[in-house]
């Protein structure tokens, strides 16, 4: 259980970014489905760029 807690703590920022992107995409999709799909793609691209630029502690 401690390993799970440590793993979640290590990736908390990335998890919250992913959940936030999913909620924004779902919200846009509820209003207009193509907008939700486009928003999801834009969020995935932005997340990939941020991940590449961030570097991390690998």
N, C-alpha and C. Protein backbone atom coordinates (compact mmCIF):
# COMPACT_ATOMS: atom_id res chain seq x y z
N UNK A 1 0.82 -1.19 0.00
CA UNK A 1 0.00 0.00 0.00
C UNK A 1 0.87 1.26 0.00
N UNK A 2 2.00 1.18 0.71
CA UNK A 2 2.89 2.33 0.74
C UNK A 2 3.48 2.60 -0.64
N UNK A 3 3.78 1.54 -1.39
CA UNK A 3 4.33 1.73 -2.73
C UNK A 3 3.33 2.43 -3.64
N UNK A 4 2.05 2.08 -3.51
CA UNK A 4 1.01 2.74 -4.30
C UNK A 4 0.91 4.21 -3.93
N UNK A 5 0.95 4.49 -2.64
CA UNK A 5 0.86 5.87 -2.17
C UNK A 5 2.05 6.69 -2.66
N UNK A 6 3.24 6.10 -2.62
CA UNK A 6 4.44 6.79 -3.11
C UNK A 6 4.38 7.01 -4.62
N UNK A 7 3.84 6.03 -5.34
CA UNK A 7 3.71 6.17 -6.79
C UNK A 7 2.75 7.26 -7.18
N UNK A 8 1.62 7.33 -6.48
CA UNK A 8 0.64 8.38 -6.76
C UNK A 8 1.22 9.74 -6.41
N UNK A 9 1.94 9.83 -5.30
CA UNK A 9 2.54 11.10 -4.91
C UNK A 9 3.59 11.56 -5.92
N UNK A 10 4.32 10.62 -6.48
CA UNK A 10 5.37 10.97 -7.45
C UNK A 10 4.78 11.51 -8.75
N UNK A 11 3.61 11.03 -9.11
CA UNK A 11 2.99 11.43 -10.38
C UNK A 11 1.72 12.25 -10.18
N UNK A 12 1.57 12.90 -9.05
CA UNK A 12 0.34 13.64 -8.75
C UNK A 12 0.09 14.75 -9.77
N UNK A 13 1.11 15.48 -10.15
CA UNK A 13 0.94 16.58 -11.10
C UNK A 13 0.46 16.06 -12.45
N UNK A 14 1.08 14.99 -12.93
CA UNK A 14 0.68 14.44 -14.22
C UNK A 14 -0.74 13.87 -14.17
N UNK A 15 -1.08 13.23 -13.05
CA UNK A 15 -2.43 12.69 -12.90
C UNK A 15 -3.47 13.79 -12.91
N UNK A 16 -3.20 14.86 -12.19
CA UNK A 16 -4.17 15.97 -12.14
C UNK A 16 -4.28 16.66 -13.49
N UNK A 17 -3.16 16.76 -14.21
CA UNK A 17 -3.20 17.35 -15.54
C UNK A 17 -4.05 16.49 -16.48
N UNK A 18 -3.91 15.18 -16.39
CA UNK A 18 -4.70 14.28 -17.22
C UNK A 18 -6.17 14.32 -16.89
N UNK A 19 -6.49 14.34 -15.60
CA UNK A 19 -7.90 14.41 -15.19
C UNK A 19 -8.51 15.74 -15.60
N UNK A 20 -7.77 16.82 -15.44
CA UNK A 20 -8.27 18.13 -15.86
C UNK A 20 -8.52 18.20 -17.36
N UNK A 21 -7.61 17.65 -18.14
CA UNK A 21 -7.77 17.64 -19.59
C UNK A 21 -8.98 16.81 -19.99
N UNK A 22 -9.17 15.68 -19.32
CA UNK A 22 -10.33 14.84 -19.63
C UNK A 22 -11.63 15.56 -19.29
N UNK A 23 -11.67 16.25 -18.17
CA UNK A 23 -12.90 16.96 -17.79
C UNK A 23 -13.21 18.11 -18.74
N UNK A 24 -12.18 18.83 -19.17
CA UNK A 24 -12.41 19.91 -20.14
C UNK A 24 -12.92 19.34 -21.46
N UNK A 25 -12.33 18.23 -21.91
CA UNK A 25 -12.75 17.62 -23.17
C UNK A 25 -14.17 17.08 -23.09
N UNK A 26 -14.51 16.45 -21.97
CA UNK A 26 -15.88 15.95 -21.81
C UNK A 26 -16.87 17.10 -21.76
N UNK A 27 -16.52 18.17 -21.07
CA UNK A 27 -17.40 19.33 -21.01
C UNK A 27 -17.64 19.94 -22.38
N UNK A 28 -16.58 20.06 -23.16
CA UNK A 28 -16.74 20.58 -24.52
C UNK A 28 -17.54 19.61 -25.38
N UNK A 29 -17.34 18.31 -25.16
CA UNK A 29 -18.08 17.30 -25.92
C UNK A 29 -19.56 17.28 -25.60
N UNK A 30 -19.91 17.62 -24.36
CA UNK A 30 -21.32 17.69 -24.00
C UNK A 30 -22.00 18.83 -24.75
N UNK A 31 -21.29 19.92 -24.93
CA UNK A 31 -21.85 21.05 -25.65
C UNK A 31 -21.93 20.75 -27.15
N UNK A 32 -20.83 20.23 -27.71
CA UNK A 32 -20.75 19.97 -29.15
C UNK A 32 -19.69 18.90 -29.37
N UNK A 33 -20.09 17.71 -29.79
CA UNK A 33 -19.20 16.55 -29.86
C UNK A 33 -17.90 16.80 -30.64
N UNK A 34 -17.94 17.39 -31.83
CA UNK A 34 -16.66 17.62 -32.52
C UNK A 34 -15.72 18.53 -31.72
N UNK A 35 -16.27 19.48 -30.99
CA UNK A 35 -15.42 20.35 -30.16
C UNK A 35 -14.74 19.54 -29.07
N UNK A 36 -15.43 18.56 -28.52
CA UNK A 36 -14.83 17.71 -27.50
C UNK A 36 -13.69 16.88 -28.04
N UNK A 37 -13.85 16.35 -29.25
CA UNK A 37 -12.80 15.55 -29.87
C UNK A 37 -11.58 16.42 -30.20
N UNK A 38 -11.82 17.61 -30.73
CA UNK A 38 -10.73 18.53 -31.04
C UNK A 38 -10.01 18.96 -29.76
N UNK A 39 -10.78 19.24 -28.72
CA UNK A 39 -10.19 19.63 -27.44
C UNK A 39 -9.34 18.51 -26.86
N UNK A 40 -9.82 17.28 -26.95
CA UNK A 40 -9.04 16.15 -26.45
C UNK A 40 -7.72 16.02 -27.19
N UNK A 41 -7.74 16.18 -28.50
CA UNK A 41 -6.51 16.13 -29.28
C UNK A 41 -5.55 17.25 -28.91
N UNK A 42 -6.08 18.44 -28.73
CA UNK A 42 -5.23 19.57 -28.35
C UNK A 42 -4.62 19.37 -26.96
N UNK A 43 -5.41 18.82 -26.05
CA UNK A 43 -4.89 18.56 -24.70
C UNK A 43 -3.81 17.47 -24.73
N UNK A 44 -3.99 16.45 -25.55
CA UNK A 44 -2.96 15.40 -25.67
C UNK A 44 -1.66 15.96 -26.24
N UNK A 45 -1.79 16.82 -27.24
CA UNK A 45 -0.59 17.44 -27.81
C UNK A 45 0.10 18.34 -26.79
N UNK A 46 -0.67 19.13 -26.07
CA UNK A 46 -0.09 20.02 -25.05
C UNK A 46 0.58 19.20 -23.95
N UNK A 47 -0.05 18.11 -23.53
CA UNK A 47 0.55 17.26 -22.50
C UNK A 47 1.84 16.63 -22.97
N UNK A 48 1.90 16.23 -24.22
CA UNK A 48 3.13 15.64 -24.76
C UNK A 48 4.25 16.66 -24.81
N UNK A 49 3.93 17.88 -25.22
CA UNK A 49 4.94 18.93 -25.27
C UNK A 49 5.43 19.26 -23.86
N UNK A 50 4.52 19.39 -22.90
CA UNK A 50 4.93 19.68 -21.54
C UNK A 50 5.76 18.55 -20.95
N UNK A 51 5.42 17.34 -21.27
CA UNK A 51 6.18 16.19 -20.78
C UNK A 51 7.59 16.19 -21.36
N UNK A 52 7.72 16.50 -22.63
CA UNK A 52 9.05 16.54 -23.26
C UNK A 52 9.89 17.69 -22.71
N UNK A 53 9.28 18.83 -22.49
CA UNK A 53 10.02 19.99 -22.01
C UNK A 53 10.35 19.86 -20.52
N UNK A 54 9.50 19.17 -19.77
CA UNK A 54 9.69 19.07 -18.33
C UNK A 54 10.91 18.27 -17.95
N UNK A 55 11.20 17.25 -18.68
CA UNK A 55 12.37 16.44 -18.38
C UNK A 55 12.12 15.40 -17.29
N UNK A 56 11.83 15.84 -16.11
CA UNK A 56 11.55 14.92 -15.01
C UNK A 56 12.82 14.46 -14.32
N UNK A 57 12.63 13.54 -13.37
CA UNK A 57 13.74 13.02 -12.57
C UNK A 57 14.04 11.58 -12.94
N UNK A 58 14.25 11.28 -14.18
CA UNK A 58 14.48 9.91 -14.62
C UNK A 58 15.82 9.39 -14.30
